[in-house]
Amino acid sequence: MFRKIKDDFWMLRRSGRNILVFELTYKLAATAVFYPIAILIINLVMKAAGAKYLTNEYIIRIFKNPVSWIVMLAAVVIFVCLFLQRALN
């Protein structure tokens, strides 16, 4: 048991730099791709609802707008598909 833990820590120390580089690259790429897409979608939904900025009144107006429901449903479907694809592989 302790030998396995010792071997695991040795492997982690040995591959730590590769893991760090991969994680930084992955997070940077994800931020560079998904953040602008999310901002674009939020701006389009707000424009479709007729909201210029977010207040409590505009949030209610956005959630009453059918376009925002379609976008939220599409986001949930995409998330579930990606999750299932990853879980099955």
C-alpha atoms as a PDB file:
ATOM      1  CA  MET A   1       0.000   0.000   0.000  1.00  0.00           C
ATOM      2  CA  PHE A   2       2.678   2.502   1.003  1.00  0.00           C
ATOM      3  CA  ARG A   3       4.842   1.426  -1.923  1.00  0.00           C
ATOM      4  CA  LYS A   4       2.020   2.278  -4.355  1.00  0.00           C
ATOM      5  CA  ILE A   5       1.564   5.690  -2.752  1.00  0.00           C
ATOM      6  CA  LYS A   6       5.308   6.285  -2.936  1.00  0.00           C
ATOM      7  CA  ASP A   7       5.359   5.257  -6.623  1.00  0.00           C
ATOM      8  CA  ASP A   8       2.398   7.531  -7.363  1.00  0.00           C
ATOM      9  CA  PHE A   9       4.103  10.526  -5.777  1.00  0.00           C
ATOM     10  CA  TRP A  10       7.306   9.720  -7.677  1.00  0.00           C
ATOM     11  CA  MET A  11       5.381   9.678 -10.976  1.00  0.00           C
ATOM     12  CA  LEU A  12       3.624  12.919 -10.069  1.00  0.00           C
ATOM     13  CA  ARG A  13       6.931  14.639  -9.310  1.00  0.00           C
ATOM     14  CA  ARG A  14       8.426  13.252 -12.516  1.00  0.00           C
ATOM     15  CA  SER A  15       5.564  14.374 -14.765  1.00  0.00           C
ATOM     16  CA  GLY A  16       4.588  17.508 -12.839  1.00  0.00           C
ATOM     17  CA  ARG A  17       5.953  19.922 -15.437  1.00  0.00           C
ATOM     18  CA  ASN A  18       4.085  18.177 -18.281  1.00  0.00           C
ATOM     19  CA  ILE A  19       0.867  18.242 -16.292  1.00  0.00           C
ATOM     20  CA  LEU A  20       1.317  21.934 -15.493  1.00  0.00           C
ATOM     21  CA  VAL A  21       2.019  22.852 -19.131  1.00  0.00           C
ATOM     22  CA  PHE A  22      -0.971  20.833 -20.328  1.00  0.00           C
ATOM     23  CA  GLU A  23      -3.333  22.372 -17.769  1.00  0.00           C
ATOM     24  CA  LEU A  24      -2.206  25.930 -18.529  1.00  0.00           C
ATOM     25  CA  THR A  25      -2.510  25.366 -22.285  1.00  0.00           C
ATOM     26  CA  TYR A  26      -5.915  23.739 -21.906  1.00  0.00           C
ATOM     27  CA  LYS A  27      -7.296  26.506 -19.696  1.00  0.00           C
ATOM     28  CA  LEU A  28      -5.857  29.245 -21.891  1.00  0.00           C
ATOM     29  CA  ALA A  29      -7.357  27.700 -25.041  1.00  0.00           C
ATOM     30  CA  ALA A  30     -10.702  27.163 -23.348  1.00  0.00           C
ATOM     31  CA  THR A  31     -10.754  30.754 -22.141  1.00  0.00           C
ATOM     32  CA  ALA A  32      -9.740  32.084 -25.551  1.00  0.00           C
ATOM     33  CA  VAL A  33     -12.505  30.115 -27.296  1.00  0.00           C
ATOM     34  CA  PHE A  34     -15.450  29.778 -24.929  1.00  0.00           C
ATOM     35  CA  TYR A  35     -15.403  33.146 -23.169  1.00  0.00           C
ATOM     36  CA  PRO A  36     -15.955  35.214 -26.338  1.00  0.00           C
ATOM     37  CA  ILE A  37     -18.658  32.785 -27.495  1.00  0.00           C
ATOM     38  CA  ALA A  38     -20.453  33.069 -24.148  1.00  0.00           C
ATOM     39  CA  ILE A  39     -20.273  36.870 -24.233  1.00  0.00           C
ATOM     40  CA  LEU A  40     -21.608  36.881 -27.808  1.00  0.00           C
ATOM     41  CA  ILE A  41     -24.546  34.651 -26.874  1.00  0.00           C
ATOM     42  CA  ILE A  42     -25.388  36.758 -23.813  1.00  0.00           C
ATOM     43  CA  ASN A  43     -25.279  39.952 -25.883  1.00  0.00           C
ATOM     44  CA  LEU A  44     -27.505  38.422 -28.586  1.00  0.00           C
ATOM     45  CA  VAL A  45     -30.067  37.243 -26.024  1.00  0.00           C
ATOM     46  CA  MET A  46     -30.091  40.672 -24.377  1.00  0.00           C
ATOM     47  CA  LYS A  47     -30.513  42.368 -27.752  1.00  0.00           C
ATOM     48  CA  ALA A  48     -33.396  40.013 -28.662  1.00  0.00           C
ATOM     49  CA  ALA A  49     -35.075  40.791 -25.334  1.00  0.00           C
ATOM     50  CA  GLY A  50     -34.589  44.522 -25.790  1.00  0.00           C
ATOM     51  CA  ALA A  51     -32.352  44.917 -22.744  1.00  0.00           C
ATOM     52  CA  LYS A  52     -29.438  47.326 -22.882  1.00  0.00           C
ATOM     53  CA  TYR A  53     -27.950  46.325 -19.520  1.00  0.00           C
ATOM     54  CA  LEU A  54     -28.835  43.943 -16.673  1.00  0.00           C
ATOM     55  CA  THR A  55     -31.153  45.056 -13.922  1.00  0.00           C
ATOM     56  CA  ASN A  56     -33.790  43.114 -12.026  1.00  0.00           C
ATOM     57  CA  GLU A  57     -36.473  44.337 -14.430  1.00  0.00           C
ATOM     58  CA  TYR A  58     -34.462  43.398 -17.509  1.00  0.00           C
ATOM     59  CA  ILE A  59     -33.620  39.956 -16.127  1.00  0.00           C
ATOM     60  CA  ILE A  60     -37.338  39.228 -15.859  1.00  0.00           C
ATOM     61  CA  ARG A  61     -37.834  40.514 -19.395  1.00  0.00           C
ATOM     62  CA  ILE A  62     -34.988  38.322 -20.671  1.00  0.00           C
ATOM     63  CA  PHE A  63     -36.408  35.195 -19.036  1.00  0.00           C
ATOM     64  CA  LYS A  64     -39.839  35.926 -20.498  1.00  0.00           C
ATOM     65  CA  ASN A  65     -38.372  36.140 -24.001  1.00  0.00           C
ATOM     66  CA  PRO A  66     -38.719  32.900 -26.050  1.00  0.00           C
ATOM     67  CA  VAL A  67     -35.305  33.410 -27.665  1.00  0.00           C
ATOM     68  CA  SER A  68     -33.592  33.122 -24.292  1.00  0.00           C
ATOM     69  CA  TRP A  69     -35.469  29.878 -23.568  1.00  0.00           C
ATOM     70  CA  ILE A  70     -34.358  28.442 -26.914  1.00  0.00           C
ATOM     71  CA  VAL A  71     -30.757  29.434 -26.220  1.00  0.00           C
ATOM     72  CA  MET A  72     -30.870  27.943 -22.711  1.00  0.00           C
ATOM     73  CA  LEU A  73     -32.410  24.721 -24.033  1.00  0.00           C
ATOM     74  CA  ALA A  74     -29.756  24.489 -26.755  1.00  0.00           C
ATOM     75  CA  ALA A  75     -27.009  25.045 -24.174  1.00  0.00           C
ATOM     76  CA  VAL A  76     -28.396  22.277 -21.951  1.00  0.00           C
ATOM     77  CA  VAL A  77     -28.686  19.873 -24.900  1.00  0.00           C
ATOM     78  CA  ILE A  78     -25.110  20.598 -26.004  1.00  0.00           C
ATOM     79  CA  PHE A  79     -23.831  20.173 -22.438  1.00  0.00           C
ATOM     80  CA  VAL A  80     -25.647  16.854 -22.002  1.00  0.00           C
ATOM     81  CA  CYS A  81     -24.404  15.563 -25.370  1.00  0.00           C
ATOM     82  CA  LEU A  82     -20.812  16.476 -24.558  1.00  0.00           C
ATOM     83  CA  PHE A  83     -21.107  14.956 -21.093  1.00  0.00           C
ATOM     84  CA  LEU A  84     -22.580  11.722 -22.411  1.00  0.00           C
ATOM     85  CA  GLN A  85     -20.008  11.469 -25.171  1.00  0.00           C
ATOM     86  CA  ARG A  86     -17.229  11.860 -22.640  1.00  0.00           C
ATOM     87  CA  ALA A  87     -18.832   9.449 -20.175  1.00  0.00           C
ATOM     88  CA  LEU A  88     -19.293   6.732 -22.791  1.00  0.00           C
ATOM     89  CA  ASN A  89     -15.704   6.892 -24.043  1.00  0.00           C
END
